[in-house]
């Protein structure tokens, strides 16, 4: 489905379900809604599920800002378009930060927030080396170079790695650079301090993008204990969908 929002159009995948509180899934930078497909297949049909392509990704517009304010406005616009007064929000990495930002800015609209591999602090020191590497070896080379170390666990399914790289490399160098700038400069600490709904945080056992100390810092800011998805890297929803789906469902049972 395509949702028209200020400054563009957003692609949304919807799975209809029962009357229980629905769920919106948000992917991380340089990914797409499809990263949640295996999780969707493992969740009961007692509630509606939706996953959106964030601005700058998948079937959504490349126009306008990719900064947090624009992205969170897009998320809220999709929730409103779906007709959901309240929803569980599930986010991967940067998408988790957006989920926190929406929950903090719009109290009552988020029943729970579930985070996978989400850091709160900006990382501007990482931006310049990443942009330099991107300029030197191009989009496809950039993602092929970082995936084994930063995205996936050792021994990950080569098919998963290839598909993630294909999705990430679909953008132009300029778009990837804008996304990296938005992601590395985002500061989700104020949102974490203001969110008032239950939050669950998990990270993949082998996630080097969100290592243990980063997850511990996120958890401390939220006053919770982090969970670990065994055998997974930065994309547990693709690498370990059974464990990921079980964690997500456990957060619903608390609310």
Protein backbone atom coordinates (compact mmCIF):
# COMPACT_ATOMS: atom_id res chain seq x y z
CA UNK A 1 0.00 0.00 0.00
CA UNK A 2 1.09 3.58 -0.61
CA UNK A 3 0.36 6.33 1.90
CA UNK A 4 0.58 9.95 0.77
CA UNK A 5 2.18 12.19 3.38
CA UNK A 6 3.55 15.75 3.34
CA UNK A 7 6.53 15.74 1.02
CA UNK A 8 6.11 12.32 -0.52
CA UNK A 9 4.70 8.80 -0.44
CA UNK A 10 5.41 5.91 1.92
CA UNK A 11 5.15 2.18 1.18
CA UNK A 12 3.40 0.13 3.87
CA UNK A 13 2.88 -3.63 4.18
CA UNK A 14 -0.26 -4.57 6.13
CA UNK A 15 -1.41 -7.92 7.48
CA UNK A 16 -4.98 -7.79 8.72
CA UNK A 17 -5.76 -9.40 12.06
CA UNK A 18 -8.09 -9.55 15.03
CA UNK A 19 -9.20 -6.87 17.46
CA UNK A 20 -6.14 -6.91 19.74
CA UNK A 21 -3.96 -3.78 19.77
CA UNK A 22 -2.14 -3.61 16.40
CA UNK A 23 1.61 -3.40 15.82
CA UNK A 24 3.75 -1.17 13.60
CA UNK A 25 7.27 -2.35 12.71
CA UNK A 26 10.10 0.07 11.83
CA UNK A 27 13.29 -1.13 10.15
CA UNK A 28 16.76 0.34 10.60
CA UNK A 29 18.86 2.44 8.24
CA UNK A 30 19.54 1.00 4.79
CA UNK A 31 16.97 -1.77 5.18
CA UNK A 32 13.27 -2.10 4.35
CA UNK A 33 9.94 -3.34 5.68
CA UNK A 34 10.73 -6.76 4.20
CA UNK A 35 13.26 -7.42 6.97
CA UNK A 36 10.27 -8.23 9.22
CA UNK A 37 8.70 -10.82 6.88
CA UNK A 38 9.90 -13.90 8.78
CA UNK A 39 8.70 -12.41 12.08
CA UNK A 40 5.26 -11.66 10.63
CA UNK A 41 4.95 -15.33 9.65
CA UNK A 42 5.56 -16.39 13.25
CA UNK A 43 3.13 -14.05 15.01
CA UNK A 44 -0.50 -15.00 15.72
CA UNK A 45 -3.31 -13.39 13.76
CA UNK A 46 -5.00 -11.97 16.84
CA UNK A 47 -3.91 -8.47 15.85
CA UNK A 48 -3.15 -6.45 12.71
CA UNK A 49 0.50 -5.96 11.78
CA UNK A 50 2.07 -3.31 9.55
CA UNK A 51 5.62 -2.52 8.47
CA UNK A 52 6.57 0.66 6.65
CA UNK A 53 9.48 1.61 4.43
CA UNK A 54 10.95 4.66 6.11
CA UNK A 55 11.54 7.73 3.96
CA UNK A 56 14.62 7.09 1.85
CA UNK A 57 14.10 3.32 1.78
CA UNK A 58 12.35 0.62 -0.22
CA UNK A 59 9.27 1.84 -2.03
CA UNK A 60 9.08 5.15 -0.15
CA UNK A 61 10.04 8.61 -1.37
CA UNK A 62 13.62 9.86 -1.42
CA UNK A 63 12.40 13.45 -1.20
CA UNK A 64 12.61 15.71 1.83
CA UNK A 65 14.57 15.41 5.05
CA UNK A 66 15.63 12.08 6.53
CA UNK A 67 16.07 13.61 9.98
CA UNK A 68 14.27 12.33 13.08
CA UNK A 69 11.56 15.00 13.07
CA UNK A 70 10.49 14.19 9.51
CA UNK A 71 10.68 10.43 10.00
CA UNK A 72 8.64 10.49 13.22
CA UNK A 73 6.01 12.65 11.53
CA UNK A 74 5.87 10.03 8.77
CA UNK A 75 5.42 7.23 11.34
CA UNK A 76 2.56 9.05 13.03
CA UNK A 77 0.98 9.77 9.64
CA UNK A 78 1.02 6.05 8.82
CA UNK A 79 -0.52 5.13 12.19
CA UNK A 80 -3.27 7.70 11.58
CA UNK A 81 -3.81 6.47 8.01
CA UNK A 82 -4.23 2.94 9.34
CA UNK A 83 -6.91 4.25 11.70
CA UNK A 84 -5.12 3.02 14.79
CA UNK A 85 -5.70 5.15 17.90
CA UNK A 86 -3.02 3.14 19.71
CA UNK A 87 -0.36 0.64 18.63
CA UNK A 88 2.60 -1.38 19.81
CA UNK A 89 5.77 -0.03 18.17
CA UNK A 90 8.65 -2.34 17.26
CA UNK A 91 11.88 -0.88 15.91
CA UNK A 92 15.26 -2.11 14.72
CA UNK A 93 18.30 0.09 15.39
CA UNK A 94 17.47 3.61 14.09
CA UNK A 95 13.86 2.50 13.72
CA UNK A 96 13.83 1.77 17.45
CA UNK A 97 14.95 5.31 18.14
CA UNK A 98 12.10 6.58 15.99
CA UNK A 99 9.68 4.38 17.95
CA UNK A 100 10.90 5.97 21.19
CA UNK A 101 10.59 9.44 19.69
CA UNK A 102 6.99 8.81 18.61
CA UNK A 103 6.07 7.33 22.00
CA UNK A 104 7.63 10.27 23.84
CA UNK A 105 6.06 12.96 21.65
CA UNK A 106 2.61 11.38 21.55
CA UNK A 107 1.83 9.82 24.95
CA UNK A 108 -1.00 7.33 24.75
CA UNK A 109 -0.44 6.42 21.10
CA UNK A 110 2.15 3.75 21.92
CA UNK A 111 1.01 0.78 24.00
CA UNK A 112 4.57 -0.58 24.22
CA UNK A 113 7.90 -0.08 22.48
CA UNK A 114 10.18 -2.99 21.59
CA UNK A 115 13.74 -2.19 20.52
CA UNK A 116 16.35 -4.31 18.76
CA UNK A 117 19.94 -3.07 18.67
CA UNK A 118 19.05 0.55 19.39
CA UNK A 119 21.62 3.10 20.55
CA UNK A 120 20.54 6.44 21.98
CA UNK A 121 23.66 8.57 21.60
CA UNK A 122 24.72 10.25 18.36
CA UNK A 123 27.97 8.98 16.85
CA UNK A 124 29.30 11.85 14.72
CA UNK A 125 32.85 10.51 14.90
CA UNK A 126 31.75 7.48 12.91
CA UNK A 127 30.21 9.53 10.12
CA UNK A 128 33.30 10.87 8.34
CA UNK A 129 35.07 7.48 8.04
CA UNK A 130 31.85 5.94 6.74
CA UNK A 131 31.36 8.67 4.15
CA UNK A 132 34.99 8.39 3.07
CA UNK A 133 34.65 4.64 2.58
CA UNK A 134 31.40 5.12 0.66
CA UNK A 135 33.04 7.66 -1.66
CA UNK A 136 36.04 5.40 -2.21
CA UNK A 137 34.38 2.06 -3.01
CA UNK A 138 30.79 2.93 -3.94
CA UNK A 139 27.45 1.81 -2.55
CA UNK A 140 27.64 -1.91 -3.36
CA UNK A 141 31.23 -2.15 -2.16
CA UNK A 142 30.43 -0.23 1.01
CA UNK A 143 27.67 -2.58 2.16
CA UNK A 144 29.56 -5.69 1.06
CA UNK A 145 32.50 -4.51 3.16
CA UNK A 146 30.61 -3.73 6.36
CA UNK A 147 28.02 -6.54 6.40
CA UNK A 148 30.26 -9.40 7.62
CA UNK A 149 31.63 -7.42 10.55
CA UNK A 150 28.88 -4.99 11.52
CA UNK A 151 25.56 -6.44 10.38
CA UNK A 152 25.55 -10.22 10.71
CA UNK A 153 26.71 -12.88 13.14
CA UNK A 154 29.61 -15.15 12.15
CA UNK A 155 28.43 -17.91 9.84
CA UNK A 156 25.23 -16.10 8.84
CA UNK A 157 23.22 -17.52 5.94
CA UNK A 158 24.87 -16.16 2.76
CA UNK A 159 21.41 -15.69 1.26
CA UNK A 160 20.40 -13.35 4.09
CA UNK A 161 23.61 -11.39 3.70
CA UNK A 162 23.18 -11.07 -0.06
CA UNK A 163 19.57 -9.93 0.27
CA UNK A 164 20.39 -7.33 2.92
CA UNK A 165 23.21 -5.99 0.75
CA UNK A 166 20.94 -5.90 -2.31
CA UNK A 167 18.32 -3.85 -0.45
CA UNK A 168 20.90 -1.47 1.02
CA UNK A 169 22.69 -0.97 -2.30
CA UNK A 170 19.51 0.05 -4.15
CA UNK A 171 20.03 3.70 -3.19
CA UNK A 172 22.29 6.24 -4.85
CA UNK A 173 25.51 7.30 -3.11
CA UNK A 174 23.94 10.67 -2.32
CA UNK A 175 20.91 9.08 -0.67
CA UNK A 176 23.05 6.66 1.35
CA UNK A 177 25.21 9.57 2.51
CA UNK A 178 22.13 11.51 3.64
CA UNK A 179 20.82 8.47 5.50
CA UNK A 180 24.14 7.91 7.23
CA UNK A 181 24.28 11.55 8.28
CA UNK A 182 20.75 11.37 9.69
CA UNK A 183 21.48 8.16 11.56
CA UNK A 184 24.87 8.99 13.02
CA UNK A 185 23.77 12.43 14.24
CA UNK A 186 20.42 11.37 15.73
CA UNK A 187 20.11 11.84 19.50
CA UNK A 188 17.39 9.69 21.08
CA UNK A 189 18.36 10.39 24.70
CA UNK A 190 15.64 13.03 25.22
CA UNK A 191 13.00 10.62 23.92
CA UNK A 192 14.22 7.86 26.23
CA UNK A 193 13.92 10.23 29.19
CA UNK A 194 10.32 11.11 28.34
CA UNK A 195 8.76 7.85 27.17
CA UNK A 196 6.16 6.55 29.65
CA UNK A 197 5.01 3.24 28.16
CA UNK A 198 6.62 -0.17 28.79
CA UNK A 199 9.82 -0.71 26.79
CA UNK A 200 11.64 -3.95 25.97
CA UNK A 201 15.20 -3.87 24.64
CA UNK A 202 17.10 -6.71 22.97
CA UNK A 203 20.31 -7.06 20.98
CA UNK A 204 21.81 -9.87 18.98
CA UNK A 205 24.50 -11.85 20.78
CA UNK A 206 27.02 -10.94 18.06
CA UNK A 207 25.79 -7.40 17.31
CA UNK A 208 28.87 -5.20 16.88
CA UNK A 209 26.83 -2.21 15.75
CA UNK A 210 25.10 -2.23 19.15
CA UNK A 211 27.59 -4.03 21.41
CA UNK A 212 26.85 -5.06 24.99
CA UNK A 213 28.06 -1.79 26.51
CA UNK A 214 25.88 0.29 24.17
CA UNK A 215 22.81 -1.84 24.89
CA UNK A 216 23.54 -1.58 28.62
CA UNK A 217 23.63 2.22 28.32
CA UNK A 218 20.31 2.26 26.46
CA UNK A 219 18.78 -0.06 29.06
CA UNK A 220 20.04 2.07 31.95
CA UNK A 221 18.53 5.21 30.43
CA UNK A 222 15.18 3.41 30.20
CA UNK A 223 15.42 1.74 33.61
CA UNK A 224 15.17 -1.79 32.18
CA UNK A 225 17.31 -4.89 31.69
CA UNK A 226 18.40 -5.81 28.14
CA UNK A 227 17.65 -9.17 26.52
CA UNK A 228 19.99 -11.09 24.23
CA UNK A 229 18.99 -12.90 21.04
CA UNK A 230 21.30 -15.90 20.88
CA UNK A 231 23.24 -16.47 17.68
CA UNK A 232 22.16 -13.23 16.00
CA UNK A 233 23.93 -10.10 14.85
CA UNK A 234 22.39 -6.67 14.20
CA UNK A 235 19.36 -8.10 12.37
CA UNK A 236 17.86 -10.71 14.73
CA UNK A 237 14.50 -10.41 12.98
CA UNK A 238 16.13 -11.98 9.91
CA UNK A 239 18.77 -14.16 11.57
CA UNK A 240 16.68 -15.54 14.47
CA UNK A 241 13.00 -14.86 13.68
CA UNK A 242 11.63 -17.45 16.13
CA UNK A 243 13.41 -15.90 19.11
CA UNK A 244 12.65 -12.39 17.88
CA UNK A 245 8.94 -13.08 17.46
CA UNK A 246 8.77 -14.64 20.93
CA UNK A 247 10.37 -11.56 22.50
CA UNK A 248 8.01 -9.22 20.68
CA UNK A 249 4.96 -11.22 21.75
CA UNK A 250 6.19 -11.26 25.35
CA UNK A 251 6.09 -7.46 25.43
CA UNK A 252 2.41 -7.51 24.43
CA UNK A 253 1.54 -9.84 27.28
CA UNK A 254 2.79 -7.22 29.70
CA UNK A 255 0.27 -4.66 28.45
